[in-house]
Amino acid sequence: MPGVQALDHARSLFDTVPDFPQQGVSFQDITPVLADPTGLRTIAEGLLAPFAGRFTHIAGIESRGFLLAGVMAGLCAERGRPAGVLTVRKEGKLPAPAARVQYSLEYGTAAIEAPDVLTPEDRVLIVDDVLATGGTIAACRQLIAELGAQSIGVGVVMQVDALRGHEIAGDVHTLFHC
């Protein structure tokens, strides 16, 4: 796990965007952290730490989760424990999805899909940038089960505590709370 100073540096890079995506919401943007090599490595290492050696694949949820999963897989390879990346896409982005899960949002429904790349022996770590209402992460756990693999855990960079997404998403390793 990265030290407190490294985590403080990464957190200092977050940008708060007022009134986005709607009036009264203060959006926490991690884009500046992704652009900073030290900050990016810090959050990738922080997400990996509790799960080291327990997974064969990292499922990145579209779209920032893709970036995190790729960096994390690279760190795993550096450490002699290679891991594949599973891209969990929004509905309609894959030519031939193997599984699809629909879930509820505050304002309607959405769906995620994944390709047929897992086996029953695979153990999957799920990663995303933000845990808000929890629906996407819960759907991703279900999606991995439908693909015949096992989800071993979830890591997110930031959790919006007021939205209580952990109640739907289940146990999630979170680096930062807001």
C-alpha atoms as a PDB file:
ATOM      1  CA  MET A   1       0.000   0.000   0.000  1.00  0.00           C
ATOM      2  CA  PRO A   2       1.379   3.432  -0.864  1.00  0.00           C
ATOM      3  CA  GLY A   3       2.405   5.675   2.012  1.00  0.00           C
ATOM      4  CA  VAL A   4       0.334   8.522   3.401  1.00  0.00           C
ATOM      5  CA  GLN A   5       2.488  11.137   1.677  1.00  0.00           C
ATOM      6  CA  ALA A   6       2.022   9.503  -1.756  1.00  0.00           C
ATOM      7  CA  LEU A   7      -1.736   9.212  -1.209  1.00  0.00           C
ATOM      8  CA  ASP A   8      -1.905  12.850  -0.064  1.00  0.00           C
ATOM      9  CA  HIS A   9      -0.099  13.868  -3.264  1.00  0.00           C
ATOM     10  CA  ALA A  10      -2.574  11.907  -5.402  1.00  0.00           C
ATOM     11  CA  ARG A  11      -5.556  13.398  -3.538  1.00  0.00           C
ATOM     12  CA  SER A  12      -4.180  16.908  -3.989  1.00  0.00           C
ATOM     13  CA  LEU A  13      -4.448  16.442  -7.762  1.00  0.00           C
ATOM     14  CA  PHE A  14      -8.224  15.893  -7.785  1.00  0.00           C
ATOM     15  CA  ASP A  15     -10.151  18.758  -9.311  1.00  0.00           C
ATOM     16  CA  THR A  16     -13.533  19.875  -7.972  1.00  0.00           C
ATOM     17  CA  VAL A  17     -15.897  21.053 -10.697  1.00  0.00           C
ATOM     18  CA  PRO A  18     -18.864  22.952  -9.219  1.00  0.00           C
ATOM     19  CA  ASP A  19     -22.373  22.479 -10.599  1.00  0.00           C
ATOM     20  CA  PHE A  20     -21.477  19.483 -12.767  1.00  0.00           C
ATOM     21  CA  PRO A  21     -23.261  17.444 -14.072  1.00  0.00           C
ATOM     22  CA  GLN A  22     -26.079  19.512 -12.603  1.00  0.00           C
ATOM     23  CA  GLN A  23     -26.616  22.539 -10.366  1.00  0.00           C
ATOM     24  CA  GLY A  24     -25.609  21.867  -6.760  1.00  0.00           C
ATOM     25  CA  VAL A  25     -23.309  18.913  -7.488  1.00  0.00           C
ATOM     26  CA  SER A  26     -19.565  19.248  -6.921  1.00  0.00           C
ATOM     27  CA  PHE A  27     -17.960  16.763  -9.325  1.00  0.00           C
ATOM     28  CA  GLN A  28     -14.663  15.247  -8.176  1.00  0.00           C
ATOM     29  CA  ASP A  29     -12.550  14.847 -11.322  1.00  0.00           C
ATOM     30  CA  ILE A  30      -9.630  12.401 -11.189  1.00  0.00           C
ATOM     31  CA  THR A  31      -8.379  13.322 -14.682  1.00  0.00           C
ATOM     32  CA  PRO A  32      -5.419  15.336 -13.298  1.00  0.00           C
ATOM     33  CA  VAL A  33      -4.329  12.271 -11.266  1.00  0.00           C
ATOM     34  CA  LEU A  34      -4.359  10.132 -14.411  1.00  0.00           C
ATOM     35  CA  ALA A  35      -2.094  12.711 -16.113  1.00  0.00           C
ATOM     36  CA  ASP A  36       0.454  12.656 -13.273  1.00  0.00           C
ATOM     37  CA  PRO A  37       2.766   9.597 -13.433  1.00  0.00           C
ATOM     38  CA  THR A  38       3.379   9.525  -9.687  1.00  0.00           C
ATOM     39  CA  GLY A  39      -0.275  10.029  -8.796  1.00  0.00           C
ATOM     40  CA  LEU A  40      -1.419   7.406 -11.297  1.00  0.00           C
ATOM     41  CA  ARG A  41       1.028   4.818 -10.021  1.00  0.00           C
ATOM     42  CA  THR A  42       0.037   5.614  -6.432  1.00  0.00           C
ATOM     43  CA  ILE A  43      -3.667   5.016  -6.999  1.00  0.00           C
ATOM     44  CA  ALA A  44      -2.988   1.877  -9.063  1.00  0.00           C
ATOM     45  CA  GLU A  45      -0.785   0.452  -6.295  1.00  0.00           C
ATOM     46  CA  GLY A  46      -3.342   1.454  -3.666  1.00  0.00           C
ATOM     47  CA  LEU A  47      -6.102  -0.371  -5.527  1.00  0.00           C
ATOM     48  CA  LEU A  48      -3.954  -3.495  -5.942  1.00  0.00           C
ATOM     49  CA  ALA A  49      -2.600  -3.737  -2.398  1.00  0.00           C
ATOM     50  CA  PRO A  50      -5.385  -5.667  -0.622  1.00  0.00           C
ATOM     51  CA  PHE A  51      -5.853  -8.095  -3.508  1.00  0.00           C
ATOM     52  CA  ALA A  52      -2.254  -8.977  -4.460  1.00  0.00           C
ATOM     53  CA  GLY A  53      -1.918 -12.454  -5.927  1.00  0.00           C
ATOM     54  CA  ARG A  54      -5.627 -13.275  -5.666  1.00  0.00           C
ATOM     55  CA  PHE A  55      -6.813 -12.598  -9.233  1.00  0.00           C
ATOM     56  CA  THR A  56      -6.166 -13.592 -12.842  1.00  0.00           C
ATOM     57  CA  HIS A  57      -7.956 -10.630 -14.473  1.00  0.00           C
ATOM     58  CA  ILE A  58      -8.776  -7.018 -13.721  1.00  0.00           C
ATOM     59  CA  ALA A  59     -12.186  -5.823 -14.915  1.00  0.00           C
ATOM     60  CA  GLY A  60     -12.110  -2.119 -15.726  1.00  0.00           C
ATOM     61  CA  ILE A  61     -15.503  -0.437 -15.924  1.00  0.00           C
ATOM     62  CA  GLU A  62     -15.867   2.013 -18.815  1.00  0.00           C
ATOM     63  CA  SER A  63     -14.089   4.308 -19.194  1.00  0.00           C
ATOM     64  CA  ARG A  64     -11.665   5.409 -16.498  1.00  0.00           C
ATOM     65  CA  GLY A  65     -11.710   1.877 -15.148  1.00  0.00           C
ATOM     66  CA  PHE A  66     -10.091   0.785 -18.431  1.00  0.00           C
ATOM     67  CA  LEU A  67      -7.143   3.079 -17.765  1.00  0.00           C
ATOM     68  CA  LEU A  68      -6.778   1.937 -14.166  1.00  0.00           C
ATOM     69  CA  ALA A  69      -7.009  -1.748 -15.099  1.00  0.00           C
ATOM     70  CA  GLY A  70      -4.318  -1.345 -17.758  1.00  0.00           C
ATOM     71  CA  VAL A  71      -1.891   0.355 -15.383  1.00  0.00           C
ATOM     72  CA  MET A  72      -2.643  -2.192 -12.670  1.00  0.00           C
ATOM     73  CA  ALA A  73      -2.059  -5.107 -15.069  1.00  0.00           C
ATOM     74  CA  GLY A  74       1.291  -3.532 -15.991  1.00  0.00           C
ATOM     75  CA  LEU A  75       2.269  -3.353 -12.317  1.00  0.00           C
ATOM     76  CA  CYS A  76       1.270  -6.995 -11.880  1.00  0.00           C
ATOM     77  CA  ALA A  77       3.475  -7.972 -14.826  1.00  0.00           C
ATOM     78  CA  GLU A  78       6.385  -6.002 -13.309  1.00  0.00           C
ATOM     79  CA  ARG A  79       5.967  -8.079 -10.163  1.00  0.00           C
ATOM     80  CA  GLY A  80       5.903 -11.402 -11.997  1.00  0.00           C
ATOM     81  CA  ARG A  81       2.153 -11.962 -11.527  1.00  0.00           C
ATOM     82  CA  PRO A  82       0.629 -11.175 -14.921  1.00  0.00           C
ATOM     83  CA  ALA A  83      -3.088 -10.394 -15.098  1.00  0.00           C
ATOM     84  CA  GLY A  84      -5.377  -9.913 -18.070  1.00  0.00           C
ATOM     85  CA  VAL A  85      -7.744  -6.982 -18.507  1.00  0.00           C
ATOM     86  CA  LEU A  86     -11.489  -7.391 -19.005  1.00  0.00           C
ATOM     87  CA  THR A  87     -13.199  -4.336 -20.480  1.00  0.00           C
ATOM     88  CA  VAL A  88     -16.703  -3.904 -19.103  1.00  0.00           C
ATOM     89  CA  ARG A  89     -18.519  -1.762 -21.649  1.00  0.00           C
ATOM     90  CA  LYS A  90     -21.687   0.254 -21.788  1.00  0.00           C
ATOM     91  CA  GLU A  91     -24.470  -1.390 -23.769  1.00  0.00           C
ATOM     92  CA  GLY A  92     -24.032  -1.434 -27.546  1.00  0.00           C
ATOM     93  CA  LYS A  93     -20.243  -0.954 -27.653  1.00  0.00           C
ATOM     94  CA  LEU A  94     -19.258  -4.588 -28.298  1.00  0.00           C
ATOM     95  CA  PRO A  95     -19.898  -6.434 -31.585  1.00  0.00           C
ATOM     96  CA  ALA A  96     -20.784  -9.724 -29.866  1.00  0.00           C
ATOM     97  CA  PRO A  97     -21.129  -9.457 -26.076  1.00  0.00           C
ATOM     98  CA  ALA A  98     -21.113 -12.733 -24.171  1.00  0.00           C
ATOM     99  CA  ALA A  99     -23.124 -11.350 -21.267  1.00  0.00           C
ATOM    100  CA  ARG A 100     -25.262  -8.319 -20.519  1.00  0.00           C
ATOM    101  CA  VAL A 101     -26.690  -7.065 -17.224  1.00  0.00           C
ATOM    102  CA  GLN A 102     -29.275  -4.322 -16.910  1.00  0.00           C
ATOM    103  CA  TYR A 103     -29.454  -2.248 -13.727  1.00  0.00           C
ATOM    104  CA  SER A 104     -31.371   0.688 -12.276  1.00  0.00           C
ATOM    105  CA  LEU A 105     -30.158   4.242 -12.064  1.00  0.00           C
ATOM    106  CA  GLU A 106     -31.710   7.153 -10.213  1.00  0.00           C
ATOM    107  CA  TYR A 107     -33.167   8.343 -13.520  1.00  0.00           C
ATOM    108  CA  GLY A 108     -33.823   5.116 -15.455  1.00  0.00           C
ATOM    109  CA  THR A 109     -31.901   2.025 -16.448  1.00  0.00           C
ATOM    110  CA  ALA A 110     -28.597   1.184 -18.069  1.00  0.00           C
ATOM    111  CA  ALA A 111     -26.768  -1.972 -19.086  1.00  0.00           C
ATOM    112  CA  ILE A 112     -23.191  -3.192 -19.199  1.00  0.00           C
ATOM    113  CA  GLU A 113     -21.700  -5.915 -21.366  1.00  0.00           C
ATOM    114  CA  ALA A 114     -18.509  -7.946 -21.572  1.00  0.00           C
ATOM    115  CA  PRO A 115     -16.811 -10.194 -24.125  1.00  0.00           C
ATOM    116  CA  ASP A 116     -16.341 -13.947 -23.798  1.00  0.00           C
ATOM    117  CA  VAL A 117     -12.767 -14.044 -22.468  1.00  0.00           C
ATOM    118  CA  LEU A 118     -13.130 -15.632 -19.012  1.00  0.00           C
ATOM    119  CA  THR A 119     -13.125 -19.244 -17.850  1.00  0.00           C
ATOM    120  CA  PRO A 120     -14.565 -20.807 -14.676  1.00  0.00           C
ATOM    121  CA  GLU A 121     -11.034 -20.856 -13.202  1.00  0.00           C
ATOM    122  CA  ASP A 122     -10.653 -17.084 -13.519  1.00  0.00           C
ATOM    123  CA  ARG A 123     -10.758 -14.777 -10.511  1.00  0.00           C
ATOM    124  CA  VAL A 124     -11.559 -11.159 -11.290  1.00  0.00           C
ATOM    125  CA  LEU A 125     -10.769  -7.903  -9.479  1.00  0.00           C
ATOM    126  CA  ILE A 126     -13.203  -5.104 -10.444  1.00  0.00           C
ATOM    127  CA  VAL A 127     -11.918  -1.502 -10.610  1.00  0.00           C
ATOM    128  CA  ASP A 128     -13.583   1.826 -11.268  1.00  0.00           C
ATOM    129  CA  ASP A 129     -12.919   5.470 -10.567  1.00  0.00           C
ATOM    130  CA  VAL A 130     -15.963   6.372  -8.451  1.00  0.00           C
ATOM    131  CA  LEU A 131     -18.517   4.518  -6.350  1.00  0.00           C
ATOM    132  CA  ALA A 132     -21.651   6.650  -6.388  1.00  0.00           C
ATOM    133  CA  THR A 133     -25.009   4.834  -6.192  1.00  0.00           C
ATOM    134  CA  GLY A 134     -23.457   1.338  -6.483  1.00  0.00           C
ATOM    135  CA  GLY A 135     -25.577   0.022  -9.350  1.00  0.00           C
ATOM    136  CA  THR A 136     -22.770  -0.323 -11.878  1.00  0.00           C
ATOM    137  CA  ILE A 137     -20.518  -2.240  -9.499  1.00  0.00           C
ATOM    138  CA  ALA A 138     -23.324  -4.571  -8.407  1.00  0.00           C
ATOM    139  CA  ALA A 139     -24.148  -5.190 -12.084  1.00  0.00           C
ATOM    140  CA  CYS A 140     -20.472  -5.870 -12.837  1.00  0.00           C
ATOM    141  CA  ARG A 141     -20.323  -8.500 -10.077  1.00  0.00           C
ATOM    142  CA  GLN A 142     -23.386 -10.155 -11.644  1.00  0.00           C
ATOM    143  CA  LEU A 143     -21.876  -9.889 -15.137  1.00  0.00           C
ATOM    144  CA  ILE A 144     -18.711 -11.697 -14.064  1.00  0.00           C
ATOM    145  CA  ALA A 145     -20.787 -14.451 -12.466  1.00  0.00           C
ATOM    146  CA  GLU A 146     -22.804 -14.819 -15.674  1.00  0.00           C
ATOM    147  CA  LEU A 147     -19.528 -15.191 -17.581  1.00  0.00           C
ATOM    148  CA  GLY A 148     -18.746 -18.124 -15.279  1.00  0.00           C
ATOM    149  CA  ALA A 149     -15.876 -16.520 -13.356  1.00  0.00           C
ATOM    150  CA  GLN A 150     -15.522 -15.410  -9.734  1.00  0.00           C
ATOM    151  CA  SER A 151     -15.319 -11.798  -8.538  1.00  0.00           C
ATOM    152  CA  ILE A 152     -12.768 -11.590  -5.723  1.00  0.00           C
ATOM    153  CA  GLY A 153     -13.226  -7.930  -4.853  1.00  0.00           C
ATOM    154  CA  VAL A 154     -13.741  -4.342  -5.920  1.00  0.00           C
ATOM    155  CA  GLY A 155     -11.455  -1.336  -5.737  1.00  0.00           C
ATOM    156  CA  VAL A 156     -12.442   2.274  -6.405  1.00  0.00           C
ATOM    157  CA  VAL A 157     -10.464   5.477  -6.290  1.00  0.00           C
ATOM    158  CA  MET A 158     -13.231   7.529  -4.665  1.00  0.00           C
ATOM    159  CA  GLN A 159     -16.517   6.892  -2.892  1.00  0.00           C
ATOM    160  CA  VAL A 160     -19.269   9.499  -2.613  1.00  0.00           C
ATOM    161  CA  ASP A 161     -20.396   8.607   0.901  1.00  0.00           C
ATOM    162  CA  ALA A 162     -23.643  10.617   0.851  1.00  0.00           C
ATOM    163  CA  LEU A 163     -25.024   8.442  -1.975  1.00  0.00           C
ATOM    164  CA  ARG A 164     -24.588   5.261   0.119  1.00  0.00           C
ATOM    165  CA  GLY A 165     -23.558   3.181  -2.906  1.00  0.00           C
ATOM    166  CA  HIS A 166     -21.770   0.671  -0.686  1.00  0.00           C
ATOM    167  CA  GLU A 167     -25.203  -0.568   0.408  1.00  0.00           C
ATOM    168  CA  ILE A 168     -25.847  -1.818  -3.145  1.00  0.00           C
ATOM    169  CA  ALA A 169     -22.275  -2.504  -4.309  1.00  0.00           C
ATOM    170  CA  GLY A 170     -21.258  -4.503  -1.245  1.00  0.00           C
ATOM    171  CA  ASP A 171     -17.746  -4.612   0.173  1.00  0.00           C
ATOM    172  CA  VAL A 172     -15.498  -2.186  -1.733  1.00  0.00           C
ATOM    173  CA  HIS A 173     -11.880  -1.153  -1.114  1.00  0.00           C
ATOM    174  CA  THR A 174     -11.877   2.652  -1.407  1.00  0.00           C
ATOM    175  CA  LEU A 175      -8.835   4.935  -1.477  1.00  0.00           C
ATOM    176  CA  PHE A 176     -10.620   8.254  -0.868  1.00  0.00           C
ATOM    177  CA  HIS A 177     -14.019   9.291   0.495  1.00  0.00           C
ATOM    178  CA  CYS A 178     -15.897  12.480  -0.253  1.00  0.00           C
END
